[in-house]
Amino acid sequence: MHELSIALGLIELATEEAARQGAVRVSTLYVRLGPLSGVVSDALRFSFDLAAEGTPIEGARLEIEEIPLTVRCASCGGERTLAILHRIRCPVCDGPAEVIRGRELEFAAMEVIDVATDR
């Protein structure tokens, strides 16, 4: 399950960034995830919770923004969101299409808490 290695990477990034900011605790990590990223969001959530145990990120929430698969048609030039992932063609004219969104796997942001000021 490669979601575990991705979760470990997210935790490492978040830990480093929190230390850089002088934050005491991380409350939420925000991730953008496209359907062509090869990552299953439920498996990533499960792996994140396991991997975070015993780290400064333990107890943080993982918020995943699901990015829809969007293509640009080479024939009609339109941008379309696809509901069916196995067929990368324009749903309007059936022309060949280029993926412009949907491959994302991004650590977008995080919320931190400075316990000294959080009273």
PDB file of N, CA and C in Angstrom:
ATOM      1  N   MET A   1       0.859  -1.172   0.000  1.00  0.00           N
ATOM      2  CA  MET A   1       0.000   0.000   0.000  1.00  0.00           C
ATOM      3  C   MET A   1       0.906   1.236   0.000  1.00  0.00           C
ATOM      4  N   HIS A   2       1.017   1.911  -1.139  1.00  0.00           N
ATOM      5  CA  HIS A   2       1.896   3.072  -1.236  1.00  0.00           C
ATOM      6  C   HIS A   2       1.330   4.298  -0.532  1.00  0.00           C
ATOM      7  N   GLU A   3       0.053   4.261  -0.137  1.00  0.00           N
ATOM      8  CA  GLU A   3      -0.522   5.376   0.613  1.00  0.00           C
ATOM      9  C   GLU A   3       0.202   5.574   1.940  1.00  0.00           C
ATOM     10  N   LEU A   4       0.721   4.501   2.527  1.00  0.00           N
ATOM     11  CA  LEU A   4       1.467   4.626   3.777  1.00  0.00           C
ATOM     12  C   LEU A   4       2.741   5.443   3.565  1.00  0.00           C
ATOM     13  N   SER A   5       3.465   5.188   2.487  1.00  0.00           N
ATOM     14  CA  SER A   5       4.680   5.969   2.231  1.00  0.00           C
ATOM     15  C   SER A   5       4.336   7.420   1.921  1.00  0.00           C
ATOM     16  N   ILE A   6       3.214   7.662   1.275  1.00  0.00           N
ATOM     17  CA  ILE A   6       2.776   9.038   1.016  1.00  0.00           C
ATOM     18  C   ILE A   6       2.414   9.719   2.329  1.00  0.00           C
ATOM     19  N   ALA A   7       1.705   9.007   3.203  1.00  0.00           N
ATOM     20  CA  ALA A   7       1.353   9.562   4.516  1.00  0.00           C
ATOM     21  C   ALA A   7       2.610   9.894   5.319  1.00  0.00           C
ATOM     22  N   LEU A   8       3.592   9.013   5.288  1.00  0.00           N
ATOM     23  CA  LEU A   8       4.850   9.274   5.999  1.00  0.00           C
ATOM     24  C   LEU A   8       5.541  10.517   5.443  1.00  0.00           C
ATOM     25  N   GLY A   9       5.506  10.685   4.128  1.00  0.00           N
ATOM     26  CA  GLY A   9       6.085  11.868   3.504  1.00  0.00           C
ATOM     27  C   GLY A   9       5.361  13.140   3.910  1.00  0.00           C
ATOM     28  N   LEU A  10       4.028  13.084   3.961  1.00  0.00           N
ATOM     29  CA  LEU A  10       3.247  14.242   4.399  1.00  0.00           C
ATOM     30  C   LEU A  10       3.586  14.612   5.841  1.00  0.00           C
ATOM     31  N   ILE A  11       3.707  13.613   6.681  1.00  0.00           N
ATOM     32  CA  ILE A  11       4.022  13.855   8.090  1.00  0.00           C
ATOM     33  C   ILE A  11       5.412  14.468   8.230  1.00  0.00           C
ATOM     34  N   GLU A  12       6.350  13.970   7.453  1.00  0.00           N
ATOM     35  CA  GLU A  12       7.705  14.529   7.490  1.00  0.00           C
ATOM     36  C   GLU A  12       7.700  15.995   7.046  1.00  0.00           C
ATOM     37  N   LEU A  13       7.016  16.284   5.946  1.00  0.00           N
ATOM     38  CA  LEU A  13       6.928  17.668   5.467  1.00  0.00           C
ATOM     39  C   LEU A  13       6.264  18.571   6.498  1.00  0.00           C
ATOM     40  N   ALA A  14       5.161  18.114   7.062  1.00  0.00           N
ATOM     41  CA  ALA A  14       4.427  18.913   8.036  1.00  0.00           C
ATOM     42  C   ALA A  14       5.245  19.142   9.300  1.00  0.00           C
ATOM     43  N   THR A  15       5.957  18.130   9.746  1.00  0.00           N
ATOM     44  CA  THR A  15       6.797  18.260  10.929  1.00  0.00           C
ATOM     45  C   THR A  15       7.902  19.279  10.706  1.00  0.00           C
ATOM     46  N   GLU A  16       8.545  19.207   9.546  1.00  0.00           N
ATOM     47  CA  GLU A  16       9.612  20.157   9.215  1.00  0.00           C
ATOM     48  C   GLU A  16       9.072  21.583   9.127  1.00  0.00           C
ATOM     49  N   GLU A  17       7.930  21.752   8.482  1.00  0.00           N
ATOM     50  CA  GLU A  17       7.354  23.086   8.326  1.00  0.00           C
ATOM     51  C   GLU A  17       6.884  23.647   9.669  1.00  0.00           C
ATOM     52  N   ALA A  18       6.294  22.804  10.498  1.00  0.00           N
ATOM     53  CA  ALA A  18       5.855  23.259  11.822  1.00  0.00           C
ATOM     54  C   ALA A  18       7.052  23.710  12.659  1.00  0.00           C
ATOM     55  N   ALA A  19       8.143  22.958  12.598  1.00  0.00           N
ATOM     56  CA  ALA A  19       9.354  23.335  13.333  1.00  0.00           C
ATOM     57  C   ALA A  19       9.914  24.654  12.802  1.00  0.00           C
ATOM     58  N   ARG A  20       9.895  24.815  11.485  1.00  0.00           N
ATOM     59  CA  ARG A  20      10.388  26.057  10.870  1.00  0.00           C
ATOM     60  C   ARG A  20       9.582  27.259  11.331  1.00  0.00           C
ATOM     61  N   GLN A  21       8.265  27.056  11.494  1.00  0.00           N
ATOM     62  CA  GLN A  21       7.377  28.140  11.919  1.00  0.00           C
ATOM     63  C   GLN A  21       7.361  28.331  13.429  1.00  0.00           C
ATOM     64  N   GLY A  22       7.970  27.419  14.164  1.00  0.00           N
ATOM     65  CA  GLY A  22       7.953  27.497  15.613  1.00  0.00           C
ATOM     66  C   GLY A  22       6.615  27.075  16.202  1.00  0.00           C
ATOM     67  N   ALA A  23       5.849  26.330  15.436  1.00  0.00           N
ATOM     68  CA  ALA A  23       4.532  25.874  15.898  1.00  0.00           C
ATOM     69  C   ALA A  23       4.689  24.717  16.868  1.00  0.00           C
ATOM     70  N   VAL A  24       3.786  24.661  17.818  1.00  0.00           N
ATOM     71  CA  VAL A  24       3.823  23.599  18.802  1.00  0.00           C
ATOM     72  C   VAL A  24       3.048  22.382  18.316  1.00  0.00           C
ATOM     73  N   ARG A  25       1.947  22.635  17.614  1.00  0.00           N
ATOM     74  CA  ARG A  25       1.086  21.524  17.210  1.00  0.00           C
ATOM     75  C   ARG A  25       0.466  21.825  15.848  1.00  0.00           C
ATOM     76  N   VAL A  26       0.248  20.777  15.077  1.00  0.00           N
ATOM     77  CA  VAL A  26      -0.435  20.879  13.789  1.00  0.00           C
ATOM     78  C   VAL A  26      -1.854  20.362  13.981  1.00  0.00           C
ATOM     79  N   SER A  27      -2.845  21.160  13.584  1.00  0.00           N
ATOM     80  CA  SER A  27      -4.235  20.718  13.757  1.00  0.00           C
ATOM     81  C   SER A  27      -4.801  20.081  12.495  1.00  0.00           C
ATOM     82  N   THR A  28      -4.414  20.590  11.311  1.00  0.00           N
ATOM     83  CA  THR A  28      -4.994  20.090  10.064  1.00  0.00           C
ATOM     84  C   THR A  28      -3.976  20.157   8.936  1.00  0.00           C
ATOM     85  N   LEU A  29      -3.941  19.108   8.123  1.00  0.00           N
ATOM     86  CA  LEU A  29      -3.178  19.118   6.878  1.00  0.00           C
ATOM     87  C   LEU A  29      -4.171  19.088   5.729  1.00  0.00           C
ATOM     88  N   TYR A  30      -3.914  19.895   4.712  1.00  0.00           N
ATOM     89  CA  TYR A  30      -4.783  19.965   3.539  1.00  0.00           C
ATOM     90  C   TYR A  30      -4.040  19.410   2.333  1.00  0.00           C
ATOM     91  N   VAL A  31      -4.684  18.466   1.671  1.00  0.00           N
ATOM     92  CA  VAL A  31      -4.083  17.792   0.517  1.00  0.00           C
ATOM     93  C   VAL A  31      -5.054  17.879  -0.650  1.00  0.00           C
ATOM     94  N   ARG A  32      -4.520  18.120  -1.842  1.00  0.00           N
ATOM     95  CA  ARG A  32      -5.316  18.097  -3.076  1.00  0.00           C
ATOM     96  C   ARG A  32      -4.997  16.785  -3.782  1.00  0.00           C
ATOM     97  N   LEU A  33      -6.063  16.063  -4.181  1.00  0.00           N
ATOM     98  CA  LEU A  33      -5.885  14.720  -4.722  1.00  0.00           C
ATOM     99  C   LEU A  33      -6.757  14.531  -5.958  1.00  0.00           C
ATOM    100  N   GLY A  34      -6.119  14.214  -7.084  1.00  0.00           N
ATOM    101  CA  GLY A  34      -6.839  13.960  -8.324  1.00  0.00           C
ATOM    102  C   GLY A  34      -7.040  12.472  -8.546  1.00  0.00           C
ATOM    103  N   PRO A  35      -8.026  12.109  -9.351  1.00  0.00           N
ATOM    104  CA  PRO A  35      -8.316  10.691  -9.575  1.00  0.00           C
ATOM    105  C   PRO A  35      -7.220   9.943 -10.330  1.00  0.00           C
ATOM    106  N   LEU A  36      -6.354  10.651 -11.043  1.00  0.00           N
ATOM    107  CA  LEU A  36      -5.260   9.986 -11.765  1.00  0.00           C
ATOM    108  C   LEU A  36      -3.956   9.961 -10.962  1.00  0.00           C
ATOM    109  N   SER A  37      -4.012  10.372  -9.702  1.00  0.00           N
ATOM    110  CA  SER A  37      -2.812  10.376  -8.862  1.00  0.00           C
ATOM    111  C   SER A  37      -2.405   8.966  -8.464  1.00  0.00           C
ATOM    112  N   GLY A  38      -3.346   8.029  -8.548  1.00  0.00           N
ATOM    113  CA  GLY A  38      -3.063   6.664  -8.140  1.00  0.00           C
ATOM    114  C   GLY A  38      -3.189   6.446  -6.645  1.00  0.00           C
ATOM    115  N   VAL A  39      -3.759   7.430  -5.948  1.00  0.00           N
ATOM    116  CA  VAL A  39      -3.901   7.356  -4.498  1.00  0.00           C
ATOM    117  C   VAL A  39      -5.376   7.223  -4.147  1.00  0.00           C
ATOM    118  N   VAL A  40      -5.687   6.281  -3.270  1.00  0.00           N
ATOM    119  CA  VAL A  40      -7.048   6.076  -2.794  1.00  0.00           C
ATOM    120  C   VAL A  40      -7.208   6.909  -1.524  1.00  0.00           C
ATOM    121  N   SER A  41      -8.141   7.856  -1.542  1.00  0.00           N
ATOM    122  CA  SER A  41      -8.259   8.801  -0.431  1.00  0.00           C
ATOM    123  C   SER A  41      -8.555   8.113   0.904  1.00  0.00           C
ATOM    124  N   ASP A  42      -9.420   7.108   0.920  1.00  0.00           N
ATOM    125  CA  ASP A  42      -9.711   6.408   2.175  1.00  0.00           C
ATOM    126  C   ASP A  42      -8.478   5.691   2.715  1.00  0.00           C
ATOM    127  N   ALA A  43      -7.699   5.096   1.839  1.00  0.00           N
ATOM    128  CA  ALA A  43      -6.472   4.419   2.266  1.00  0.00           C
ATOM    129  C   ALA A  43      -5.454   5.431   2.786  1.00  0.00           C
ATOM    130  N   LEU A  44      -5.408   6.614   2.175  1.00  0.00           N
ATOM    131  CA  LEU A  44      -4.489   7.656   2.636  1.00  0.00           C
ATOM    132  C   LEU A  44      -4.906   8.149   4.019  1.00  0.00           C
ATOM    133  N   ARG A  45      -6.199   8.341   4.234  1.00  0.00           N
ATOM    134  CA  ARG A  45      -6.683   8.769   5.562  1.00  0.00           C
ATOM    135  C   ARG A  45      -6.315   7.737   6.638  1.00  0.00           C
ATOM    136  N   PHE A  46      -6.572   6.486   6.335  1.00  0.00           N
ATOM    137  CA  PHE A  46      -6.258   5.405   7.276  1.00  0.00           C
ATOM    138  C   PHE A  46      -4.761   5.369   7.564  1.00  0.00           C
ATOM    139  N   SER A  47      -3.959   5.427   6.515  1.00  0.00           N
ATOM    140  CA  SER A  47      -2.505   5.386   6.662  1.00  0.00           C
ATOM    141  C   SER A  47      -1.987   6.602   7.424  1.00  0.00           C
ATOM    142  N   PHE A  48      -2.575   7.750   7.176  1.00  0.00           N
ATOM    143  CA  PHE A  48      -2.157   8.973   7.844  1.00  0.00           C
ATOM    144  C   PHE A  48      -2.336   8.846   9.354  1.00  0.00           C
ATOM    145  N   ASP A  49      -3.494   8.373   9.768  1.00  0.00           N
ATOM    146  CA  ASP A  49      -3.762   8.229  11.202  1.00  0.00           C
ATOM    147  C   ASP A  49      -2.769   7.265  11.855  1.00  0.00           C
ATOM    148  N   LEU A  50      -2.469   6.171  11.182  1.00  0.00           N
ATOM    149  CA  LEU A  50      -1.493   5.206  11.721  1.00  0.00           C
ATOM    150  C   LEU A  50      -0.086   5.791  11.764  1.00  0.00           C
ATOM    151  N   ALA A  51       0.316   6.429  10.673  1.00  0.00           N
ATOM    152  CA  ALA A  51       1.675   6.950  10.565  1.00  0.00           C
ATOM    153  C   ALA A  51       1.918   8.131  11.508  1.00  0.00           C
ATOM    154  N   ALA A  52       0.871   8.866  11.843  1.00  0.00           N
ATOM    155  CA  ALA A  52       1.018  10.042  12.701  1.00  0.00           C
ATOM    156  C   ALA A  52       1.206   9.696  14.174  1.00  0.00           C
ATOM    157  N   GLU A  53       0.861   8.474  14.572  1.00  0.00           N
ATOM    158  CA  GLU A  53       0.988   8.075  15.975  1.00  0.00           C
ATOM    159  C   GLU A  53       2.423   8.248  16.456  1.00  0.00           C
ATOM    160  N   GLY A  54       2.559   8.931  17.591  1.00  0.00           N
ATOM    161  CA  GLY A  54       3.874   9.134  18.182  1.00  0.00           C
ATOM    162  C   GLY A  54       4.699  10.226  17.543  1.00  0.00           C
ATOM    163  N   THR A  55       4.116  10.994  16.621  1.00  0.00           N
ATOM    164  CA  THR A  55       4.828  12.096  15.970  1.00  0.00           C
ATOM    165  C   THR A  55       4.207  13.418  16.419  1.00  0.00           C
ATOM    166  N   PRO A  56       4.851  14.532  16.120  1.00  0.00           N
ATOM    167  CA  PRO A  56       4.252  15.827  16.448  1.00  0.00           C
ATOM    168  C   PRO A  56       2.936  16.093  15.688  1.00  0.00           C
ATOM    169  N   ILE A  57       2.632  15.280  14.706  1.00  0.00           N
ATOM    170  CA  ILE A  57       1.424  15.456  13.895  1.00  0.00           C
ATOM    171  C   ILE A  57       0.262  14.628  14.457  1.00  0.00           C
ATOM    172  N   GLU A  58       0.518  13.794  15.436  1.00  0.00           N
ATOM    173  CA  GLU A  58      -0.533  12.948  15.994  1.00  0.00           C
ATOM    174  C   GLU A  58      -1.735  13.798  16.430  1.00  0.00           C
ATOM    175  N   GLY A  59      -2.916  13.358  16.033  1.00  0.00           N
ATOM    176  CA  GLY A  59      -4.151  14.065  16.365  1.00  0.00           C
ATOM    177  C   GLY A  59      -4.591  15.068  15.311  1.00  0.00           C
ATOM    178  N   ALA A  60      -3.734  15.342  14.346  1.00  0.00           N
ATOM    179  CA  ALA A  60      -4.098  16.288  13.279  1.00  0.00           C
ATOM    180  C   ALA A  60      -5.106  15.635  12.330  1.00  0.00           C
ATOM    181  N   ARG A  61      -5.959  16.455  11.753  1.00  0.00           N
ATOM    182  CA  ARG A  61      -6.915  15.974  10.755  1.00  0.00           C
ATOM    183  C   ARG A  61      -6.269  16.068   9.379  1.00  0.00           C
ATOM    184  N   LEU A  62      -6.631  15.140   8.517  1.00  0.00           N
ATOM    185  CA  LEU A  62      -6.201  15.180   7.120  1.00  0.00           C
ATOM    186  C   LEU A  62      -7.420  15.530   6.289  1.00  0.00           C
ATOM    187  N   GLU A  63      -7.410  16.709   5.703  1.00  0.00           N
ATOM    188  CA  GLU A  63      -8.499  17.163   4.832  1.00  0.00           C
ATOM    189  C   GLU A  63      -8.064  16.972   3.385  1.00  0.00           C
ATOM    190  N   ILE A  64      -8.846  16.213   2.639  1.00  0.00           N
ATOM    191  CA  ILE A  64      -8.514  15.926   1.239  1.00  0.00           C
ATOM    192  C   ILE A  64      -9.518  16.611   0.330  1.00  0.00           C
ATOM    193  N   GLU A  65      -9.010  17.459  -0.549  1.00  0.00           N
ATOM    194  CA  GLU A  65      -9.838  18.085  -1.584  1.00  0.00           C
ATOM    195  C   GLU A  65      -9.731  17.221  -2.834  1.00  0.00           C
ATOM    196  N   GLU A  66     -10.848  16.653  -3.236  1.00  0.00           N
ATOM    197  CA  GLU A  66     -10.880  15.806  -4.429  1.00  0.00           C
ATOM    198  C   GLU A  66     -10.954  16.707  -5.668  1.00  0.00           C
ATOM    199  N   ILE A  67      -9.962  16.619  -6.528  1.00  0.00           N
ATOM    200  CA  ILE A  67      -9.897  17.418  -7.750  1.00  0.00           C
ATOM    201  C   ILE A  67     -10.483  16.596  -8.894  1.00  0.00           C
ATOM    202  N   PRO A  68     -11.480  17.124  -9.605  1.00  0.00           N
ATOM    203  CA  PRO A  68     -12.070  16.345 -10.696  1.00  0.00           C
ATOM    204  C   PRO A  68     -11.130  16.251 -11.902  1.00  0.00           C
ATOM    205  N   LEU A  69     -11.304  15.202 -12.656  1.00  0.00           N
ATOM    206  CA  LEU A  69     -10.542  15.025 -13.890  1.00  0.00           C
ATOM    207  C   LEU A  69     -11.084  15.990 -14.935  1.00  0.00           C
ATOM    208  N   THR A  70     -10.233  16.900 -15.391  1.00  0.00           N
ATOM    209  CA  THR A  70     -10.622  17.911 -16.373  1.00  0.00           C
ATOM    210  C   THR A  70      -9.702  17.799 -17.576  1.00  0.00           C
ATOM    211  N   VAL A  71     -10.298  17.860 -18.762  1.00  0.00           N
ATOM    212  CA  VAL A  71      -9.532  17.739 -20.004  1.00  0.00           C
ATOM    213  C   VAL A  71      -9.814  18.925 -20.917  1.00  0.00           C
ATOM    214  N   ARG A  72      -8.877  19.156 -21.836  1.00  0.00           N
ATOM    215  CA  ARG A  72      -9.064  20.150 -22.906  1.00  0.00           C
ATOM    216  C   ARG A  72      -9.092  19.368 -24.210  1.00  0.00           C
ATOM    217  N   CYS A  73     -10.158  19.576 -24.969  1.00  0.00           N
ATOM    218  CA  CYS A  73     -10.339  18.856 -26.223  1.00  0.00           C
ATOM    219  C   CYS A  73      -9.465  19.463 -27.316  1.00  0.00           C
ATOM    220  N   ALA A  74      -8.746  18.607 -28.021  1.00  0.00           N
ATOM    221  CA  ALA A  74      -7.895  19.058 -29.129  1.00  0.00           C
ATOM    222  C   ALA A  74      -8.730  19.463 -30.342  1.00  0.00           C
ATOM    223  N   SER A  75      -9.935  18.911 -30.470  1.00  0.00           N
ATOM    224  CA  SER A  75     -10.773  19.204 -31.635  1.00  0.00           C
ATOM    225  C   SER A  75     -11.617  20.461 -31.446  1.00  0.00           C
ATOM    226  N   CYS A  76     -12.395  20.518 -30.363  1.00  0.00           N
ATOM    227  CA  CYS A  76     -13.309  21.656 -30.174  1.00  0.00           C
ATOM    228  C   CYS A  76     -12.750  22.707 -29.224  1.00  0.00           C
ATOM    229  N   GLY A  77     -11.647  22.400 -28.524  1.00  0.00           N
ATOM    230  CA  GLY A  77     -11.000  23.369 -27.647  1.00  0.00           C
ATOM    231  C   GLY A  77     -11.665  23.555 -26.295  1.00  0.00           C
ATOM    232  N   GLY A  78     -12.736  22.859 -26.043  1.00  0.00           N
ATOM    233  CA  GLY A  78     -13.451  23.024 -24.783  1.00  0.00           C
ATOM    234  C   GLY A  78     -12.778  22.328 -23.623  1.00  0.00           C
ATOM    235  N   GLU A  79     -12.986  22.872 -22.421  1.00  0.00           N
ATOM    236  CA  GLU A  79     -12.541  22.221 -21.199  1.00  0.00           C
ATOM    237  C   GLU A  79     -13.738  21.501 -20.604  1.00  0.00           C
ATOM    238  N   ARG A  80     -13.564  20.243 -20.283  1.00  0.00           N
ATOM    239  CA  ARG A  80     -14.662  19.421 -19.785  1.00  0.00           C
ATOM    240  C   ARG A  80     -14.201  18.604 -18.580  1.00  0.00           C
ATOM    241  N   THR A  81     -15.125  18.400 -17.648  1.00  0.00           N
ATOM    242  CA  THR A  81     -14.887  17.507 -16.519  1.00  0.00           C
ATOM    243  C   THR A  81     -15.434  16.143 -16.895  1.00  0.00           C
ATOM    244  N   LEU A  82     -14.613  15.131 -16.686  1.00  0.00           N
ATOM    245  CA  LEU A  82     -15.014  13.776 -17.050  1.00  0.00           C
ATOM    246  C   LEU A  82     -15.526  13.012 -15.836  1.00  0.00           C
ATOM    247  N   ALA A  83     -16.597  12.291 -16.041  1.00  0.00           N
ATOM    248  CA  ALA A  83     -17.138  11.438 -14.988  1.00  0.00           C
ATOM    249  C   ALA A  83     -16.558  10.028 -15.097  1.00  0.00           C
ATOM    250  N   ILE A  84     -16.192   9.638 -16.298  1.00  0.00           N
ATOM    251  CA  ILE A  84     -15.647   8.295 -16.540  1.00  0.00           C
ATOM    252  C   ILE A  84     -14.144   8.433 -16.752  1.00  0.00           C
ATOM    253  N   LEU A  85     -13.371   7.770 -15.916  1.00  0.00           N
ATOM    254  CA  LEU A  85     -11.921   7.945 -15.937  1.00  0.00           C
ATOM    255  C   LEU A  85     -11.200   7.093 -16.964  1.00  0.00           C
ATOM    256  N   HIS A  86     -11.803   6.038 -17.415  1.00  0.00           N
ATOM    257  CA  HIS A  86     -11.089   5.126 -18.314  1.00  0.00           C
ATOM    258  C   HIS A  86     -11.130   5.572 -19.778  1.00  0.00           C
ATOM    259  N   ARG A  87     -11.818   6.653 -20.061  1.00  0.00           N
ATOM    260  CA  ARG A  87     -11.933   7.118 -21.443  1.00  0.00           C
ATOM    261  C   ARG A  87     -11.618   8.607 -21.497  1.00  0.00           C
ATOM    262  N   ILE A  88     -10.392   8.940 -21.882  1.00  0.00           N
ATOM    263  CA  ILE A  88      -9.943  10.333 -21.913  1.00  0.00           C
ATOM    264  C   ILE A  88     -10.226  10.922 -23.298  1.00  0.00           C
ATOM    265  N   ARG A  89     -11.504  11.218 -23.533  1.00  0.00           N
ATOM    266  CA  ARG A  89     -11.941  11.827 -24.788  1.00  0.00           C
ATOM    267  C   ARG A  89     -12.966  12.891 -24.436  1.00  0.00           C
ATOM    268  N   CYS A  90     -13.145  13.835 -25.331  1.00  0.00           N
ATOM    269  CA  CYS A  90     -14.127  14.894 -25.115  1.00  0.00           C
ATOM    270  C   CYS A  90     -15.529  14.286 -25.065  1.00  0.00           C
ATOM    271  N   PRO A  91     -16.289  14.564 -24.009  1.00  0.00           N
ATOM    272  CA  PRO A  91     -17.638  14.014 -23.916  1.00  0.00           C
ATOM    273  C   PRO A  91     -18.628  14.693 -24.859  1.00  0.00           C
ATOM    274  N   VAL A  92     -18.230  15.811 -25.472  1.00  0.00           N
ATOM    275  CA  VAL A  92     -19.118  16.537 -26.381  1.00  0.00           C
ATOM    276  C   VAL A  92     -18.912  16.101 -27.826  1.00  0.00           C
ATOM    277  N   CYS A  93     -17.655  16.168 -28.310  1.00  0.00           N
ATOM    278  CA  CYS A  93     -17.398  15.859 -29.722  1.00  0.00           C
ATOM    279  C   CYS A  93     -16.655  14.535 -29.923  1.00  0.00           C
ATOM    280  N   ASP A  94     -16.261  13.881 -28.834  1.00  0.00           N
ATOM    281  CA  ASP A  94     -15.533  12.617 -28.853  1.00  0.00           C
ATOM    282  C   ASP A  94     -14.121  12.751 -29.415  1.00  0.00           C
ATOM    283  N   GLY A  95     -13.599  13.974 -29.434  1.00  0.00           N
ATOM    284  CA  GLY A  95     -12.236  14.192 -29.907  1.00  0.00           C
ATOM    285  C   GLY A  95     -11.212  13.837 -28.852  1.00  0.00           C
ATOM    286  N   PRO A  96      -9.948  13.705 -29.260  1.00  0.00           N
ATOM    287  CA  PRO A  96      -8.890  13.405 -28.296  1.00  0.00           C
ATOM    288  C   PRO A  96      -8.740  14.570 -27.312  1.00  0.00           C
ATOM    289  N   ALA A  97      -8.402  14.245 -26.076  1.00  0.00           N
ATOM    290  CA  ALA A  97      -8.332  15.272 -25.048  1.00  0.00           C
ATOM    291  C   ALA A  97      -7.036  15.168 -24.257  1.00  0.00           C
ATOM    292  N   GLU A  98      -6.601  16.314 -23.752  1.00  0.00           N
ATOM    293  CA  GLU A  98      -5.399  16.410 -22.924  1.00  0.00           C
ATOM    294  C   GLU A  98      -5.832  16.655 -21.484  1.00  0.00           C
ATOM    295  N   VAL A  99      -5.276  15.910 -20.564  1.00  0.00           N
ATOM    296  CA  VAL A  99      -5.593  16.091 -19.147  1.00  0.00           C
ATOM    297  C   VAL A  99      -4.960  17.394 -18.669  1.00  0.00           C
ATOM    298  N   ILE A 100      -5.774  18.276 -18.082  1.00  0.00           N
ATOM    299  CA  ILE A 100      -5.238  19.523 -17.537  1.00  0.00           C
ATOM    300  C   ILE A 100      -5.357  19.578 -16.011  1.00  0.00           C
ATOM    301  N   ARG A 101      -6.240  18.790 -15.428  1.00  0.00           N
ATOM    302  CA  ARG A 101      -6.355  18.642 -13.976  1.00  0.00           C
ATOM    303  C   ARG A 101      -6.788  17.216 -13.661  1.00  0.00           C
ATOM    304  N   GLY A 102      -6.308  16.716 -12.542  1.00  0.00           N
ATOM    305  CA  GLY A 102      -6.711  15.383 -12.131  1.00  0.00           C
ATOM    306  C   GLY A 102      -5.564  14.483 -11.743  1.00  0.00           C
ATOM    307  N   ARG A 103      -4.328  14.970 -11.928  1.00  0.00           N
ATOM    308  CA  ARG A 103      -3.146  14.185 -11.530  1.00  0.00           C
ATOM    309  C   ARG A 103      -2.586  14.645 -10.181  1.00  0.00           C
ATOM    310  N   GLU A 104      -3.225  15.624  -9.575  1.00  0.00           N
ATOM    311  CA  GLU A 104      -2.690  16.262  -8.379  1.00  0.00           C
ATOM    312  C   GLU A 104      -2.511  15.301  -7.206  1.00  0.00           C
ATOM    313  N   LEU A 105      -1.400  15.483  -6.539  1.00  0.00           N
ATOM    314  CA  LEU A 105      -1.127  14.935  -5.220  1.00  0.00           C
ATOM    315  C   LEU A 105      -0.270  16.005  -4.559  1.00  0.00           C
ATOM    316  N   GLU A 106      -0.928  16.953  -3.913  1.00  0.00           N
ATOM    317  CA  GLU A 106      -0.250  18.135  -3.400  1.00  0.00           C
ATOM    318  C   GLU A 106      -0.521  18.334  -1.911  1.00  0.00           C
ATOM    319  N   PHE A 107       0.514  18.631  -1.190  1.00  0.00           N
ATOM    320  CA  PHE A 107       0.391  19.082   0.185  1.00  0.00           C
ATOM    321  C   PHE A 107       0.117  20.577   0.058  1.00  0.00           C
ATOM    322  N   ALA A 108      -1.143  20.980   0.188  1.00  0.00           N
ATOM    323  CA  ALA A 108      -1.557  22.346  -0.121  1.00  0.00           C
ATOM    324  C   ALA A 108      -1.329  23.325   1.020  1.00  0.00           C
ATOM    325  N   ALA A 109      -1.645  22.928   2.257  1.00  0.00           N
ATOM    326  CA  ALA A 109      -1.544  23.841   3.392  1.00  0.00           C
ATOM    327  C   ALA A 109      -1.660  23.057   4.685  1.00  0.00           C
ATOM    328  N   MET A 110      -1.429  23.783   5.782  1.00  0.00           N
ATOM    329  CA  MET A 110      -1.657  23.180   7.096  1.00  0.00           C
ATOM    330  C   MET A 110      -2.003  24.272   8.089  1.00  0.00           C
ATOM    331  N   GLU A 111      -2.747  23.890   9.105  1.00  0.00           N
ATOM    332  CA  GLU A 111      -3.074  24.795  10.198  1.00  0.00           C
ATOM    333  C   GLU A 111      -2.244  24.382  11.398  1.00  0.00           C
ATOM    334  N   VAL A 112      -1.639  25.365  12.039  1.00  0.00           N
ATOM    335  CA  VAL A 112      -0.813  25.084  13.203  1.00  0.00           C
ATOM    336  C   VAL A 112      -1.384  25.815  14.412  1.00  0.00           C
ATOM    337  N   ILE A 113      -1.042  25.310  15.580  1.00  0.00           N
ATOM    338  CA  ILE A 113      -1.493  25.914  16.829  1.00  0.00           C
ATOM    339  C   ILE A 113      -0.270  26.160  17.689  1.00  0.00           C
ATOM    340  N   ASP A 114      -0.143  27.379  18.167  1.00  0.00           N
ATOM    341  CA  ASP A 114       0.883  27.722  19.130  1.00  0.00           C
ATOM    342  C   ASP A 114       0.220  27.589  20.496  1.00  0.00           C
ATOM    343  N   VAL A 115       0.489  26.505  21.189  1.00  0.00           N
ATOM    344  CA  VAL A 115      -0.190  26.204  22.441  1.00  0.00           C
ATOM    345  C   VAL A 115      -0.025  27.327  23.457  1.00  0.00           C
ATOM    346  N   ALA A 116       1.094  28.021  23.453  1.00  0.00           N
ATOM    347  CA  ALA A 116       1.320  29.096  24.401  1.00  0.00           C
ATOM    348  C   ALA A 116       0.294  30.219  24.249  1.00  0.00           C
ATOM    349  N   THR A 117      -0.214  30.440  23.029  1.00  0.00           N
ATOM    350  CA  THR A 117      -1.192  31.507  22.812  1.00  0.00           C
ATOM    351  C   THR A 117      -2.598  30.966  22.638  1.00  0.00           C
ATOM    352  N   ASP A 118      -2.782  29.673  22.659  1.00  0.00           N
ATOM    353  CA  ASP A 118      -4.090  29.053  22.457  1.00  0.00           C
ATOM    354  C   ASP A 118      -4.714  28.700  23.809  1.00  0.00           C
ATOM    355  N   ARG A 119      -5.182  29.694  24.494  1.00  0.00           N
ATOM    356  CA  ARG A 119      -5.799  29.463  25.815  1.00  0.00           C
ATOM    357  C   ARG A 119      -7.166  30.047  25.873  1.00  0.00           C
TER     358      ARG A 119
END
